[in-house]
C-alpha cells in the first residue's frame, strides 16, 4: 500500500508470546513446574523478568551460575515446553489485541506475525484465537530453540518480499525483538506485559510502552 509521501505503507511485525498472547502466567507456571522436576528453586515473576534473556540457555546460566550442559538443556527445554503447552490453551489475547489487529487491517496497512514458538504449535493456536486472517504472513520457529530472533527476522522479511526494512516496526516484549529489528534495519517498540521488566527493556534504547494501543501509536510515529 502507498501513503501520501509516496513510500510503501508501514508494516508491523508482531511478536506472539508475551505480546499478542497474554501468557506470562503460563510461562512462570511452566518454568516453576520444570524447575521442580530439576530440583531448582521456584522463581518469582519479578525475578524472571529481570533475568530473562535470549538465547534461553543464558537465562539458565544467570539462574544456575553456569551454562547448562547439553543434557541438562535438553531436559530443561523439554520439561518447560511440556508444562507450557498444557497451560497455553487457557491463555487469552492481550487487552485490546484483537481490536487493534482488526482496525489496522481495515485501514489497509499490513502486519505479520513472527515468533520463536514452534511453528506447528503456533499456527493452530493463532487460528483458534480468530486472528490468523489479520496477518499477511505467520512464521514460528522451525530450527533449534537455542537460536535468537535475528536470523529468523531476516528470513521473515525475505519471505514478505516487497516490504522494505526501513518501513517496518517490530512490536515485542523482549530485548531480542529489538535486537532482531536492528539487525535488519527496522525499528522496534517494546511492551512491558511479557517477559522483561520495564527497567531491563529501557536499557535496550528503544521506546517502551505499557499497552498495545500505545505500542501501535508509537510505531506509527517511528517510520
Protein backbone atom coordinates (compact mmCIF):
# COMPACT_ATOMS: atom_id res chain seq x y z
CA UNK A 1 0.00 0.00 0.00
CA UNK A 2 1.19 3.52 -0.75
CA UNK A 3 0.99 6.54 1.52
CA UNK A 4 0.79 10.27 0.97
CA UNK A 5 4.58 10.52 0.95
CA UNK A 6 4.69 8.00 -1.89
CA UNK A 7 6.53 5.42 0.20
CA UNK A 8 5.28 1.92 1.00
CA UNK A 9 2.94 1.71 3.98
CA UNK A 10 4.27 0.98 7.44
CA UNK A 11 4.37 -2.73 8.20
CA UNK A 12 4.13 -4.12 11.72
CA UNK A 13 5.82 -7.36 12.70
CA UNK A 14 4.14 -8.65 15.84
CA UNK A 15 5.67 -10.97 18.41
CA UNK A 16 3.33 -13.61 19.85
CA UNK A 17 4.26 -14.89 23.32
CA UNK A 18 4.03 -12.14 25.92
CA UNK A 19 2.89 -9.61 23.32
CA UNK A 20 -0.28 -10.60 21.49
CA UNK A 21 -0.77 -13.66 23.71
CA UNK A 22 -1.09 -12.85 27.41
CA UNK A 23 0.78 -15.93 28.56
CA UNK A 24 3.25 -14.70 31.17
CA UNK A 25 1.30 -16.59 33.87
CA UNK A 26 1.61 -19.80 31.86
CA UNK A 27 5.32 -19.13 31.32
CA UNK A 28 6.00 -18.68 35.05
CA UNK A 29 3.86 -21.71 35.92
CA UNK A 30 5.67 -23.87 33.36
CA UNK A 31 9.08 -22.58 34.40
CA UNK A 32 8.47 -23.40 38.04
CA UNK A 33 6.95 -26.79 37.24
CA UNK A 34 10.04 -27.60 35.19
CA UNK A 35 12.31 -26.27 37.97
CA UNK A 36 10.59 -28.59 40.46
CA UNK A 37 11.40 -31.55 38.24
CA UNK A 38 15.02 -30.44 38.07
CA UNK A 39 15.44 -29.72 41.77
CA UNK A 40 15.76 -25.94 41.28
CA UNK A 41 14.13 -23.29 43.46
CA UNK A 42 10.97 -21.62 42.07
CA UNK A 43 11.28 -18.13 40.62
CA UNK A 44 9.01 -15.10 41.06
CA UNK A 45 7.59 -13.13 38.15
CA UNK A 46 9.73 -10.13 39.11
CA UNK A 47 12.95 -12.14 39.16
CA UNK A 48 12.04 -13.88 35.91
CA UNK A 49 11.51 -10.54 34.17
CA UNK A 50 14.79 -9.18 35.48
CA UNK A 51 16.88 -12.21 34.45
CA UNK A 52 15.20 -13.46 31.27
CA UNK A 53 17.28 -13.31 28.11
CA UNK A 54 17.65 -14.99 24.73
CA UNK A 55 19.24 -17.39 23.82
CA UNK A 56 17.42 -19.15 26.67
CA UNK A 57 20.45 -21.14 27.94
CA UNK A 58 21.87 -17.76 29.00
CA UNK A 59 18.80 -17.30 31.20
CA UNK A 60 19.56 -20.60 32.92
CA UNK A 61 23.19 -19.52 33.28
CA UNK A 62 22.02 -16.44 35.20
CA UNK A 63 19.95 -18.67 37.47
CA UNK A 64 22.46 -21.51 37.94
CA UNK A 65 25.74 -19.60 37.80
CA UNK A 66 26.86 -21.64 34.79
CA UNK A 67 25.62 -22.71 31.39
CA UNK A 68 23.64 -25.96 31.46
CA UNK A 69 25.24 -28.96 29.81
CA UNK A 70 23.67 -30.21 26.58
CA UNK A 71 21.95 -32.98 28.51
CA UNK A 72 20.66 -30.59 31.16
CA UNK A 73 19.41 -28.22 28.48
CA UNK A 74 17.51 -30.98 26.70
CA UNK A 75 15.81 -31.92 29.97
CA UNK A 76 15.02 -28.29 30.88
CA UNK A 77 13.72 -27.39 27.44
CA UNK A 78 11.58 -30.50 27.20
CA UNK A 79 10.12 -30.05 30.68
CA UNK A 80 9.32 -26.39 30.12
CA UNK A 81 7.55 -26.97 26.81
CA UNK A 82 5.56 -29.90 28.17
CA UNK A 83 4.25 -27.81 31.06
CA UNK A 84 3.81 -24.65 28.97
CA UNK A 85 1.63 -26.19 26.26
CA UNK A 86 -0.61 -27.72 28.94
CA UNK A 87 -1.31 -24.15 30.08
CA UNK A 88 -1.24 -22.22 26.79
CA UNK A 89 -4.74 -23.23 25.68
CA UNK A 90 -6.22 -21.31 28.61
CA UNK A 91 -4.37 -18.07 27.79
CA UNK A 92 -6.23 -15.17 26.21
CA UNK A 93 -5.07 -12.39 23.94
CA UNK A 94 -3.61 -9.24 25.47
CA UNK A 95 -6.07 -6.46 26.21
CA UNK A 96 -7.22 -4.78 23.00
CA UNK A 97 -5.11 -7.01 20.74
CA UNK A 98 -7.92 -8.37 18.56
CA UNK A 99 -9.42 -4.92 18.04
CA UNK A 100 -6.06 -3.34 17.19
CA UNK A 101 -5.26 -6.03 14.63
CA UNK A 102 -8.67 -5.70 13.00
CA UNK A 103 -8.56 -1.91 12.87
CA UNK A 104 -5.14 -1.84 11.32
CA UNK A 105 -6.06 -4.39 8.69
CA UNK A 106 -9.24 -2.48 7.87
CA UNK A 107 -7.16 0.68 7.42
CA UNK A 108 -5.24 -1.06 4.64
CA UNK A 109 -1.91 -1.47 6.42
CA UNK A 110 -0.11 -4.79 6.55
CA UNK A 111 1.12 -6.77 9.53
CA UNK A 112 2.72 -10.14 10.10
CA UNK A 113 3.49 -12.46 12.99
CA UNK A 114 6.96 -13.71 13.93
CA UNK A 115 7.53 -15.98 16.91
CA UNK A 116 10.11 -18.30 18.42
CA UNK A 117 7.27 -20.63 19.40
CA UNK A 118 7.35 -23.86 17.36
CA UNK A 119 5.60 -23.24 14.03
CA UNK A 120 3.50 -26.39 14.27
CA UNK A 121 2.13 -25.31 17.67
CA UNK A 122 1.88 -21.60 16.88
CA UNK A 123 -0.33 -21.58 13.80
CA UNK A 124 -3.22 -23.68 15.19
CA UNK A 125 -3.24 -21.56 18.37
CA UNK A 126 -3.37 -18.27 16.43
CA UNK A 127 -6.23 -19.66 14.34
CA UNK A 128 -8.16 -20.70 17.44
CA UNK A 129 -8.00 -17.09 18.62
CA UNK A 130 -9.62 -16.00 15.36
CA UNK A 131 -6.92 -13.56 14.24
CA UNK A 132 -4.95 -15.52 11.62
CA UNK A 133 -6.58 -13.60 8.77
CA UNK A 134 -5.19 -10.33 10.15
CA UNK A 135 -1.65 -11.25 9.06
CA UNK A 136 -0.11 -11.42 5.61
CA UNK A 137 2.36 -13.99 6.94
CA UNK A 138 2.89 -16.02 10.13
CA UNK A 139 6.21 -17.66 10.97
CA UNK A 140 7.05 -19.75 14.00
CA UNK A 141 10.33 -21.44 14.85
CA UNK A 142 11.42 -24.40 12.76
CA UNK A 143 15.04 -24.68 13.99
CA UNK A 144 16.74 -25.17 17.36
CA UNK A 145 15.15 -23.44 20.36
CA UNK A 146 18.53 -22.01 21.35
CA UNK A 147 18.58 -19.67 18.35
CA UNK A 148 17.73 -16.00 18.80
CA UNK A 149 15.40 -13.99 16.59
CA UNK A 150 17.79 -12.11 14.31
CA UNK A 151 18.19 -14.81 11.68
CA UNK A 152 14.50 -15.61 11.96
CA UNK A 153 13.73 -11.94 11.19
CA UNK A 154 15.96 -11.95 8.12
CA UNK A 155 14.11 -14.95 6.71
CA UNK A 156 10.73 -13.46 7.60
CA UNK A 157 11.35 -10.18 5.78
CA UNK A 158 12.81 -12.02 2.81
CA UNK A 159 9.63 -14.09 2.60
CA UNK A 160 7.50 -10.94 2.78
CA UNK A 161 9.38 -9.73 -0.28
CA UNK A 162 8.09 -6.25 -1.05
CA UNK A 163 8.35 -4.75 2.45
CA UNK A 164 11.48 -2.58 2.88
CA UNK A 165 13.03 -2.90 6.32
CA UNK A 166 13.05 0.85 6.91
CA UNK A 167 9.22 0.81 6.78
CA UNK A 168 8.96 -1.99 9.36
CA UNK A 169 8.31 -1.70 13.10
CA UNK A 170 8.63 -4.75 15.35
CA UNK A 171 6.36 -4.87 18.42
CA UNK A 172 7.54 -7.31 21.07
CA UNK A 173 8.12 -7.86 24.76
CA UNK A 174 11.81 -8.83 24.82
CA UNK A 175 15.17 -7.25 24.17
CA UNK A 176 15.71 -9.88 21.49
CA UNK A 177 12.83 -8.37 19.46
CA UNK A 178 14.61 -5.02 19.35
CA UNK A 179 17.95 -6.63 18.51
CA UNK A 180 16.34 -8.57 15.66
CA UNK A 181 14.76 -5.38 14.34
CA UNK A 182 18.09 -3.52 14.45
CA UNK A 183 19.77 -6.46 12.69
CA UNK A 184 17.63 -5.89 9.59
CA UNK A 185 17.41 -2.08 9.81
CA UNK A 186 13.87 -1.93 11.22
CA UNK A 187 12.51 -0.04 14.23
CA UNK A 188 11.10 -1.57 17.42
CA UNK A 189 8.68 -0.83 20.24
CA UNK A 190 8.83 -2.95 23.40
CA UNK A 191 5.82 -3.80 25.57
CA UNK A 192 6.03 -4.37 29.33
CA UNK A 193 3.32 -7.05 29.55
CA UNK A 194 5.59 -10.00 28.86
CA UNK A 195 8.98 -11.45 29.73
CA UNK A 196 11.05 -8.40 30.72
CA UNK A 197 10.83 -5.75 33.41
CA UNK A 198 10.46 -2.14 32.29
CA UNK A 199 13.95 -1.37 33.62
CA UNK A 200 15.56 -4.12 31.55
CA UNK A 201 13.62 -3.06 28.44
CA UNK A 202 14.59 0.58 28.86
CA UNK A 203 18.26 -0.41 28.77
CA UNK A 204 17.78 -1.52 25.14
CA UNK A 205 17.32 2.07 23.95
CA UNK A 206 14.03 1.82 22.02
CA UNK A 207 10.55 3.09 23.02
CA UNK A 208 8.95 1.14 25.88
CA UNK A 209 5.17 1.14 26.41
CA UNK A 210 2.64 -0.35 28.84
CA UNK A 211 -0.16 -1.19 26.39
CA UNK A 212 -0.50 -2.47 22.84
CA UNK A 213 -2.62 0.55 21.96
CA UNK A 214 0.30 2.76 22.89
CA UNK A 215 2.68 0.44 21.03
CA UNK A 216 0.78 0.90 17.76
CA UNK A 217 0.56 4.67 18.26
CA UNK A 218 4.31 4.92 18.85
CA UNK A 219 5.04 2.62 15.91
CA UNK A 220 3.08 4.94 13.61
CA UNK A 221 5.40 7.78 14.62
CA UNK A 222 8.63 5.86 14.11
CA UNK A 223 8.64 5.45 10.31
